[in-house]
Amino acid sequence: MTQLEEARNGKITQEMKRVAKEEGFPEKKILQWVKSGALIIPANTEHLKQGLKPLGIGSMLRTKVNVNLGTSPLDYDFKKEMRKLEISLKYGADAVMDLSNYGDIDKNRRKIIKNCPVPVGTVPVYQAGSFEDFENIPVDAFLEIVERHCRDGVDFVTVHTGITRKTLPYAKNRLTGIVSKGGALMAKWMLANKAENPYTEYFDELCEIVREYDTAFSLGDALRPGSTHDATDKAQIEELKVVSRQAKRARELGVQVMIEGPGHVPLNQIKKNMDLKKKYAGETPFYVLGPLVTDIGAGYDHITGAIGGALAAYYGTAFLCYVTPSEHLGLPDETGVREGLIASRIAGHAADLALGKKGTRERNDRMSKARFNLDWPGMFREALDGDKACEYRKRSGVNKKSGVCTMCGQYCPMKATKKFRGKL
C-alpha cells in the first residue's frame, strides 16, 4: 500500500517515523498530515530498496528545495550531469529531477536513481518528446513511459494533466504563450491528433500505474506564466482548477499528490497565487519554480527566483524548484547548480525562520554566536555554503591569529563590545 493508504489504516510506517524524527514532530502528527494529503512522502518502493532516505513535503515542515539535472540534444555530457548530482547532494538538495530528453535516457535515469539517496523526480513526456514521430505516438506509449519510470524507482513524476482541450485556448493571446516544455509537447500532440490530453482522459489508469510503486504525482503547470505580464491569468487559473480536482481524485485512489505552480509572478501577486491554490486545492503541497519576480534578471535569475521563493514559502509553498543564473539561457554548469541551489535554500530558510519552523531559529542563533565570538570554523559550519564562506575568508589574507576580518580590522565592534560590555 501507499503511504497515504497506510495512514488511512492508522499505520505509522518506517518512512513516517523517519520524517517525524528529521522534522521534530510526533509520529502521530505526521500520520495525520499524510492521511489528510497535506503532507506527502515520495518514496518509491523500488528506490527504497536502493537506499532512499524518505523525505516529507508539506507546508508545516521545513521548506524543501529541488535541483534539476538532465541532458539535451545541444548539451549532452552525462558525466557532467553526474558531477552536478554530486554537487547537489553535497550542498543540501532535498530532491533532484532528471529532465533528460536526449541520449540513453533509461540507462542514465537508472544510474541517477542508484546514486541518489534523496527523492528523484522525472517528467515522462520529455522522454516521449524525444521520439522523432512524437505527434504520432499512441496513447499507450504515454502510459508505458510513466510505468517505466516508476518501475525504475522514480519517486515523483510530473504529468501535465491540466492542459486540456478546454484550457489550451486560454493561452492563445498571452504575451509569452506556453513556456512549459511539457505543456508545449502535450499541446502539439493534442492539436495534431485532435484529441484530448491522454494523461487527462486516462487519469484513473495513470493513478493505477503510480499507485503500484507509491510514486507521487506532481501535477504539472503546463500553462504556467512565462512572464510577469501573463501571471495569474485565466489560463493559469483554469488549469489550477483542473489539477485541483485531479488531486482530489488521485487521493481517492490512494495516490500521493502535490501541485505545481508558477512561474513568473510579480511580488504583489505571490500571496494571491497562494490564496488561489488554497481556495481550489486546500492544503495539497504546492511546488513552485521560483517564482521569478521580474523578467529582466537574465544571468542573475537565481536571485529573482530566490526573492519570489522566499515570499512563496512564507505564504505556504512547501517545495521550491531551484533557479540557476543561466535560466532562460542554457543548461547550468556545476557552478550554476551550486549557486542556484544555495539561493533557493536561503529563500526557504528565510521563510522558515519568519514562520518559526522547528530548528531554524536555533541554527540562526548558533551562527550569530559564532560571529560574535569570531569563531570562524563555527561560522563555516552553520553557513548554508560553508565552503564559499571559507574561500572568502582565505582570500582576504588576514592573519588567522588576529581573529578579525578586513571589513573592520582593528576597529572590530565585536571585540570592542566584549571589552566594555560590563560597563553597559
Protein backbone atom coordinates (compact mmCIF):
# COMPACT_ATOMS: atom_id res chain seq x y z
CA MET A 1 0.00 0.00 0.00
CA THR A 2 1.00 3.62 -0.48
CA GLN A 3 1.97 5.91 2.40
CA LEU A 4 -1.45 7.53 2.03
CA GLU A 5 -3.29 4.21 2.28
CA GLU A 6 -1.19 3.11 5.24
CA ALA A 7 -2.04 6.36 7.01
CA ARG A 8 -5.73 5.83 6.36
CA ASN A 9 -5.38 2.44 8.03
CA GLY A 10 -3.74 4.07 11.04
CA LYS A 11 -0.32 2.53 10.41
CA ILE A 12 2.80 4.59 11.11
CA THR A 13 5.33 3.42 8.52
CA GLN A 14 9.10 3.45 8.84
CA GLU A 15 9.12 6.31 6.37
CA MET A 16 6.74 8.33 8.55
CA LYS A 17 8.92 7.61 11.58
CA ARG A 18 11.99 8.93 9.76
CA VAL A 19 10.20 12.11 8.70
CA ALA A 20 8.95 12.63 12.25
CA LYS A 21 12.49 12.33 13.60
CA GLU A 22 14.01 14.58 10.93
CA GLU A 23 11.38 17.29 11.33
CA GLY A 24 10.87 17.11 15.10
CA PHE A 25 7.18 16.24 15.14
CA PRO A 26 5.29 13.42 16.87
CA GLU A 27 4.80 10.37 14.66
CA LYS A 28 1.02 10.54 15.08
CA LYS A 29 1.05 14.11 13.77
CA ILE A 30 2.94 13.03 10.65
CA LEU A 31 0.43 10.23 10.13
CA GLN A 32 -2.49 12.66 10.38
CA TRP A 33 -0.96 15.04 7.83
CA VAL A 34 -0.22 12.21 5.40
CA LYS A 35 -3.77 10.93 5.83
CA SER A 36 -5.22 14.36 5.00
CA GLY A 37 -2.98 14.83 1.96
CA ALA A 38 -1.32 17.92 3.44
CA LEU A 39 1.99 16.08 3.61
CA ILE A 40 3.48 13.63 1.14
CA ILE A 41 6.42 11.25 1.42
CA PRO A 42 7.61 10.47 -2.13
CA ALA A 43 9.24 7.10 -1.60
CA ASN A 44 9.06 4.67 -4.50
CA THR A 45 9.20 1.11 -3.17
CA GLU A 46 11.97 0.27 -5.67
CA HIS A 47 14.09 3.28 -4.68
CA LEU A 48 13.69 2.38 -1.01
CA LYS A 49 15.44 -0.90 -1.80
CA GLN A 50 18.37 1.12 -3.16
CA GLY A 51 18.90 3.28 -0.08
CA LEU A 52 16.43 6.15 -0.46
CA LYS A 53 16.19 8.41 2.59
CA PRO A 54 12.48 9.32 2.82
CA LEU A 55 11.57 12.98 2.77
CA GLY A 56 8.44 14.81 3.88
CA ILE A 57 6.99 17.62 1.77
CA GLY A 58 4.35 19.84 3.35
CA SER A 59 3.94 23.48 4.35
CA MET A 60 4.17 22.63 8.05
CA LEU A 61 7.67 21.18 7.58
CA ARG A 62 10.96 22.77 6.63
CA THR A 63 10.75 24.18 3.07
CA LYS A 64 12.34 21.73 0.66
CA VAL A 65 14.43 22.53 -2.45
CA ASN A 66 14.69 20.59 -5.70
CA VAL A 67 17.54 20.62 -8.22
CA ASN A 68 17.02 19.95 -11.94
CA LEU A 69 19.50 17.82 -13.87
CA GLY A 70 19.35 16.38 -17.35
CA THR A 71 20.75 16.32 -20.86
CA SER A 72 19.55 17.92 -24.07
CA PRO A 73 20.44 17.43 -27.77
CA LEU A 74 22.58 20.59 -27.72
CA ASP A 75 24.37 19.82 -24.46
CA TYR A 76 24.92 16.12 -23.92
CA ASP A 77 27.50 15.09 -21.36
CA PHE A 78 26.10 12.63 -18.86
CA LYS A 79 29.32 12.59 -16.83
CA LYS A 80 28.76 16.29 -16.25
CA GLU A 81 25.22 15.59 -15.04
CA MET A 82 26.58 13.07 -12.55
CA ARG A 83 29.00 15.69 -11.26
CA LYS A 84 26.06 18.04 -10.88
CA LEU A 85 24.31 15.33 -8.87
CA GLU A 86 27.31 15.09 -6.54
CA ILE A 87 27.33 18.86 -6.08
CA SER A 88 23.58 18.90 -5.44
CA LEU A 89 23.87 16.28 -2.71
CA LYS A 90 26.92 17.96 -1.17
CA TYR A 91 25.18 21.31 -0.84
CA GLY A 92 21.91 20.06 0.54
CA ALA A 93 19.44 19.38 -2.26
CA ASP A 94 16.33 17.74 -0.81
CA ALA A 95 15.37 16.18 -4.16
CA VAL A 96 16.56 16.10 -7.77
CA MET A 97 14.72 15.84 -11.06
CA ASP A 98 16.13 14.22 -14.18
CA LEU A 99 14.76 16.24 -17.10
CA SER A 100 16.75 14.47 -19.82
CA ASN A 101 15.34 14.36 -23.32
CA TYR A 102 18.39 13.05 -25.17
CA GLY A 103 20.79 10.10 -25.07
CA ASP A 104 20.19 6.78 -23.36
CA ILE A 105 17.50 8.23 -21.13
CA ASP A 106 16.52 4.94 -19.46
CA LYS A 107 20.09 3.93 -18.62
CA ASN A 108 21.01 7.37 -17.33
CA ARG A 109 17.88 7.64 -15.21
CA ARG A 110 18.63 4.33 -13.53
CA LYS A 111 22.17 5.45 -12.77
CA ILE A 112 20.94 8.67 -11.19
CA ILE A 113 18.45 6.77 -9.01
CA LYS A 114 21.10 4.26 -7.97
CA ASN A 115 23.46 7.03 -6.87
CA CYS A 116 20.89 9.33 -5.30
CA PRO A 117 19.74 8.85 -1.69
CA VAL A 118 17.18 11.69 -1.95
CA PRO A 119 13.89 11.51 -3.90
CA VAL A 120 14.18 11.58 -7.69
CA GLY A 121 11.56 13.08 -9.97
CA THR A 122 11.11 12.97 -13.74
CA VAL A 123 8.89 14.36 -16.49
CA PRO A 124 7.96 11.29 -18.58
CA VAL A 125 6.61 13.34 -21.51
CA TYR A 126 10.14 14.64 -22.09
CA GLN A 127 11.18 11.13 -23.00
CA ALA A 128 8.13 10.75 -25.22
CA GLY A 129 9.05 14.05 -26.84
CA SER A 130 12.46 12.67 -27.82
CA PHE A 131 10.78 10.33 -30.33
CA GLU A 132 11.10 11.56 -33.92
CA ASP A 133 7.46 10.74 -34.63
CA PHE A 134 6.17 12.20 -31.34
CA GLU A 135 2.97 13.52 -32.90
CA ASN A 136 2.04 10.01 -33.98
CA ILE A 137 2.78 8.05 -30.82
CA PRO A 138 -0.27 6.24 -29.40
CA VAL A 139 -1.88 6.91 -26.04
CA ASP A 140 -0.49 3.64 -24.68
CA ALA A 141 3.04 4.97 -25.18
CA PHE A 142 2.43 7.88 -22.80
CA LEU A 143 1.27 5.49 -20.08
CA GLU A 144 4.00 2.92 -20.78
CA ILE A 145 6.74 5.51 -20.33
CA VAL A 146 5.28 6.58 -16.98
CA GLU A 147 5.23 2.94 -15.88
CA ARG A 148 8.85 2.52 -16.99
CA HIS A 149 9.92 5.47 -14.84
CA CYS A 150 8.01 4.15 -11.83
CA ARG A 151 9.42 0.67 -12.28
CA ASP A 152 12.95 2.11 -12.24
CA GLY A 153 12.34 3.77 -8.88
CA VAL A 154 11.25 7.35 -9.66
CA ASP A 155 9.71 8.88 -6.52
CA PHE A 156 7.56 11.56 -8.14
CA VAL A 157 6.52 12.21 -11.72
CA THR A 158 5.42 15.48 -13.26
CA VAL A 159 2.46 14.85 -15.54
CA HIS A 160 0.81 17.75 -17.34
CA THR A 161 -2.78 16.74 -16.75
CA GLY A 162 -4.30 20.21 -16.54
CA ILE A 163 -3.77 21.27 -20.14
CA THR A 164 -6.96 20.12 -21.83
CA ARG A 165 -8.90 20.93 -24.96
CA LYS A 166 -10.85 23.40 -22.84
CA THR A 167 -7.93 25.13 -21.11
CA LEU A 168 -5.50 25.21 -24.06
CA PRO A 169 -7.20 28.07 -25.97
CA TYR A 170 -6.77 30.40 -22.99
CA ALA A 171 -3.05 30.64 -23.80
CA LYS A 172 -3.68 31.98 -27.31
CA ASN A 173 -3.37 35.69 -26.55
CA ARG A 174 -0.62 35.53 -23.97
CA LEU A 175 2.50 37.64 -24.31
CA THR A 176 4.71 34.56 -23.93
CA GLY A 177 2.31 31.74 -24.82
CA ILE A 178 3.18 28.31 -23.42
CA VAL A 179 6.62 28.24 -21.82
CA SER A 180 6.41 24.80 -20.22
CA LYS A 181 8.28 22.32 -22.40
CA GLY A 182 5.98 19.53 -21.24
CA GLY A 183 2.96 21.73 -21.82
CA ALA A 184 4.06 22.59 -25.35
CA LEU A 185 4.62 18.91 -26.14
CA MET A 186 1.15 17.99 -24.91
CA ALA A 187 -0.41 20.86 -26.87
CA LYS A 188 1.43 19.78 -30.00
CA TRP A 189 0.18 16.20 -29.69
CA MET A 190 -3.38 17.23 -28.87
CA LEU A 191 -3.62 19.58 -31.84
CA ALA A 192 -2.03 17.10 -34.24
CA ASN A 193 -4.41 14.33 -33.17
CA LYS A 194 -7.46 16.50 -32.50
CA ALA A 195 -7.71 14.56 -29.25
CA GLU A 196 -7.88 15.13 -25.52
CA ASN A 197 -4.75 15.09 -23.38
CA PRO A 198 -4.13 11.34 -22.80
CA TYR A 199 -2.98 11.99 -19.22
CA THR A 200 -6.34 13.64 -18.56
CA GLU A 201 -8.54 11.21 -20.44
CA TYR A 202 -6.91 8.18 -18.82
CA PHE A 203 -6.22 9.75 -15.44
CA ASP A 204 -7.54 6.80 -13.43
CA GLU A 205 -5.32 4.40 -15.37
CA LEU A 206 -2.40 6.73 -14.70
CA CYS A 207 -3.22 6.61 -11.00
CA GLU A 208 -3.19 2.80 -11.06
CA ILE A 209 0.33 2.82 -12.51
CA VAL A 210 1.89 5.19 -9.98
CA ARG A 211 0.00 3.72 -7.04
CA GLU A 212 1.64 0.32 -7.59
CA TYR A 213 5.06 1.80 -6.79
CA ASP A 214 3.89 4.57 -4.44
CA THR A 215 5.24 7.14 -6.85
CA ALA A 216 3.76 10.55 -6.08
CA PHE A 217 2.18 12.86 -8.60
CA SER A 218 3.47 16.34 -9.24
CA LEU A 219 0.60 17.68 -11.31
CA GLY A 220 2.39 19.91 -13.77
CA ASP A 221 1.68 23.53 -14.59
CA ALA A 222 1.69 23.30 -18.37
CA LEU A 223 0.12 26.76 -18.56
CA ARG A 224 2.31 28.49 -16.00
CA PRO A 225 3.08 32.12 -16.84
CA GLY A 226 6.42 32.64 -18.58
CA SER A 227 6.35 36.38 -17.93
CA THR A 228 5.06 38.61 -15.18
CA HIS A 229 2.69 40.07 -17.80
CA ASP A 230 0.87 36.71 -18.02
CA ALA A 231 0.86 35.98 -14.29
CA THR A 232 -2.41 34.92 -12.66
CA ASP A 233 -4.27 34.98 -15.97
CA LYS A 234 -7.25 32.86 -16.98
CA ALA A 235 -5.09 30.10 -18.50
CA GLN A 236 -3.16 29.63 -15.27
CA ILE A 237 -6.22 29.75 -13.02
CA GLU A 238 -8.34 27.42 -15.15
CA GLU A 239 -5.53 24.88 -15.18
CA LEU A 240 -5.23 25.18 -11.39
CA LYS A 241 -8.92 24.34 -11.08
CA VAL A 242 -8.48 21.24 -13.25
CA VAL A 243 -5.44 19.86 -11.39
CA SER A 244 -7.07 20.60 -8.04
CA ARG A 245 -9.96 18.31 -8.97
CA GLN A 246 -7.49 15.73 -10.22
CA ALA A 247 -5.52 15.92 -6.97
CA LYS A 248 -8.68 15.04 -5.08
CA ARG A 249 -9.36 12.13 -7.41
CA ALA A 250 -5.78 10.87 -7.09
CA ARG A 251 -6.06 10.78 -3.31
CA GLU A 252 -9.35 8.91 -3.59
CA LEU A 253 -7.40 6.25 -5.49
CA GLY A 254 -4.64 6.15 -2.85
CA VAL A 255 -2.05 8.24 -4.70
CA GLN A 256 0.05 10.91 -3.01
CA VAL A 257 -0.01 14.21 -4.86
CA MET A 258 1.38 17.73 -4.96
CA ILE A 259 0.55 20.54 -7.35
CA GLU A 260 3.00 22.62 -9.36
CA GLY A 261 2.69 26.37 -9.51
CA PRO A 262 4.22 29.32 -11.38
CA GLY A 263 6.49 30.54 -12.85
CA HIS A 264 6.90 34.29 -13.30
CA VAL A 265 4.89 36.24 -10.72
CA PRO A 266 5.38 39.85 -9.57
CA LEU A 267 5.79 40.40 -5.85
CA ASN A 268 2.31 41.82 -5.39
CA GLN A 269 0.67 38.67 -6.81
CA ILE A 270 2.51 35.95 -4.91
CA LYS A 271 0.14 35.95 -1.93
CA LYS A 272 -2.83 35.99 -4.32
CA ASN A 273 -1.44 32.91 -6.07
CA MET A 274 -1.09 31.09 -2.78
CA ASP A 275 -4.61 32.10 -1.77
CA LEU A 276 -5.95 30.74 -5.07
CA LYS A 277 -4.12 27.45 -4.53
CA LYS A 278 -5.65 27.13 -1.07
CA LYS A 279 -9.09 28.03 -2.41
CA TYR A 280 -9.08 25.30 -5.05
CA ALA A 281 -6.65 22.69 -3.71
CA GLY A 282 -6.75 23.16 0.04
CA GLU A 283 -3.60 22.02 1.84
CA THR A 284 -2.25 19.94 -1.05
CA PRO A 285 1.52 20.62 -1.08
CA PHE A 286 2.50 23.32 -3.58
CA TYR A 287 5.68 23.13 -5.67
CA VAL A 288 6.84 26.28 -7.48
CA LEU A 289 9.58 27.24 -9.92
CA GLY A 290 10.98 30.34 -8.29
CA PRO A 291 8.71 32.17 -8.78
CA LEU A 292 10.69 34.79 -10.66
CA VAL A 293 9.55 38.28 -9.67
CA THR A 294 10.87 40.10 -12.73
CA ASP A 295 11.71 39.12 -16.30
CA ILE A 296 14.93 41.12 -16.74
CA GLY A 297 17.26 39.20 -14.43
CA ALA A 298 18.92 37.11 -17.17
CA GLY A 299 22.22 35.84 -15.79
CA TYR A 300 21.00 36.50 -12.24
CA ASP A 301 17.72 34.63 -12.22
CA HIS A 302 18.79 32.61 -9.21
CA ILE A 303 18.32 35.91 -7.36
CA THR A 304 14.96 36.83 -8.93
CA GLY A 305 13.82 33.28 -8.20
CA ALA A 306 15.04 33.36 -4.59
CA ILE A 307 13.20 36.62 -3.90
CA GLY A 308 9.96 35.09 -5.12
CA GLY A 309 10.72 31.76 -3.48
CA ALA A 310 11.10 33.35 -0.05
CA LEU A 311 7.69 35.01 -0.31
CA ALA A 312 6.03 31.91 -1.76
CA ALA A 313 7.40 29.75 1.04
CA TYR A 314 6.32 32.32 3.63
CA TYR A 315 2.76 32.15 2.29
CA GLY A 316 2.66 28.36 2.29
CA THR A 317 4.64 26.81 -0.56
CA ALA A 318 6.19 23.52 0.58
CA PHE A 319 8.67 22.83 -2.22
CA LEU A 320 10.89 25.21 -4.22
CA CYS A 321 12.43 24.27 -7.54
CA TYR A 322 15.76 26.00 -7.79
CA VAL A 323 16.50 28.55 -10.49
CA THR A 324 20.06 28.94 -11.76
CA PRO A 325 21.87 32.02 -13.13
CA SER A 326 21.56 30.56 -16.64
CA GLU A 327 17.77 30.10 -16.52
CA HIS A 328 16.37 31.05 -19.96
CA LEU A 329 19.91 30.99 -21.38
CA GLY A 330 21.06 27.38 -21.29
CA LEU A 331 21.76 24.36 -19.10
CA PRO A 332 23.70 25.31 -15.97
CA ASP A 333 27.26 24.23 -15.33
CA GLU A 334 28.38 22.84 -11.99
CA THR A 335 28.91 26.32 -10.52
CA GLY A 336 25.45 27.38 -11.63
CA VAL A 337 23.89 24.36 -9.95
CA ARG A 338 25.62 25.21 -6.67
CA GLU A 339 24.65 28.90 -6.83
CA GLY A 340 21.05 28.17 -7.77
CA LEU A 341 20.68 25.58 -5.02
CA ILE A 342 22.12 27.80 -2.29
CA ALA A 343 19.99 30.76 -3.41
CA SER A 344 16.83 28.67 -3.10
CA ARG A 345 17.94 27.21 0.23
CA ILE A 346 18.46 30.75 1.54
CA ALA A 347 14.94 31.62 0.35
CA GLY A 348 13.44 28.58 2.05
CA HIS A 349 15.34 29.18 5.28
CA ALA A 350 14.36 32.85 5.36
CA ALA A 351 10.68 31.89 5.13
CA ASP A 352 11.05 29.09 7.69
CA LEU A 353 12.78 31.47 10.10
CA ALA A 354 9.99 34.05 9.78
CA LEU A 355 7.39 31.33 10.33
CA GLY A 356 9.19 29.96 13.37
CA LYS A 357 9.63 26.46 11.97
CA LYS A 358 11.50 23.96 14.10
CA GLY A 359 15.29 24.29 14.17
CA THR A 360 15.60 27.46 12.11
CA ARG A 361 15.99 29.96 14.96
CA GLU A 362 18.44 27.65 16.71
CA ARG A 363 20.70 27.45 13.66
CA ASN A 364 20.49 31.20 13.11
CA ASP A 365 21.45 31.83 16.72
CA ARG A 366 24.39 29.43 16.52
CA MET A 367 25.69 31.41 13.55
CA SER A 368 25.22 34.71 15.40
CA LYS A 369 27.01 33.38 18.48
CA ALA A 370 29.92 32.15 16.36
CA ARG A 371 30.08 35.52 14.59
CA PHE A 372 30.17 37.46 17.88
CA ASN A 373 32.92 35.17 19.19
CA LEU A 374 34.88 35.49 15.93
CA ASP A 375 34.63 31.71 15.73
CA TRP A 376 35.32 31.29 12.03
CA PRO A 377 35.12 27.46 11.93
CA GLY A 378 31.79 27.71 13.75
CA MET A 379 30.51 30.19 11.17
CA PHE A 380 31.56 27.92 8.32
CA ARG A 381 29.70 25.00 9.93
CA GLU A 382 26.43 26.92 10.19
CA ALA A 383 26.58 28.67 6.82
CA LEU A 384 24.46 27.14 4.04
CA ASP A 385 27.61 27.16 1.90
CA GLY A 386 30.45 26.93 4.38
CA ASP A 387 32.94 26.20 1.63
CA LYS A 388 32.30 29.53 -0.05
CA ALA A 389 32.42 31.38 3.25
CA CYS A 390 35.77 29.78 3.95
CA GLU A 391 37.03 30.71 0.47
CA TYR A 392 36.21 34.38 1.06
CA ARG A 393 37.92 34.29 4.45
CA LYS A 394 41.11 32.82 2.97
CA ARG A 395 41.02 35.26 0.05
CA SER A 396 41.21 38.22 2.44
CA GLY A 397 44.71 37.15 3.52
CA VAL A 398 44.14 38.10 7.17
CA ASN A 399 46.44 36.62 9.78
CA LYS A 400 44.44 33.85 11.45
CA LYS A 401 45.76 34.79 14.89
CA SER A 402 44.24 38.26 14.69
CA GLY A 403 40.74 36.80 14.59
CA VAL A 404 39.25 39.83 12.84
CA CYS A 405 38.39 40.37 9.16
CA THR A 406 39.26 43.10 6.67
CA MET A 407 35.84 44.75 6.99
CA CYS A 408 36.65 46.44 10.32
CA GLY A 409 40.11 45.17 11.24
CA GLN A 410 41.36 46.69 14.49
CA TYR A 411 38.04 48.51 14.89
CA CYS A 412 36.07 45.26 15.14
CA PRO A 413 32.85 46.08 17.07
CA MET A 414 32.58 42.50 18.31
CA LYS A 415 35.96 42.69 20.06
CA ALA A 416 35.21 46.17 21.35
CA THR A 417 31.85 45.13 22.78
CA LYS A 418 33.46 42.31 24.74
CA LYS A 419 35.78 44.80 26.40
CA PHE A 420 33.17 47.34 27.52
CA ARG A 421 30.15 45.06 27.86
CA GLY A 422 30.38 45.00 31.64
CA LYS A 423 30.13 48.79 31.75
CA LEU A 424 26.85 48.95 29.83
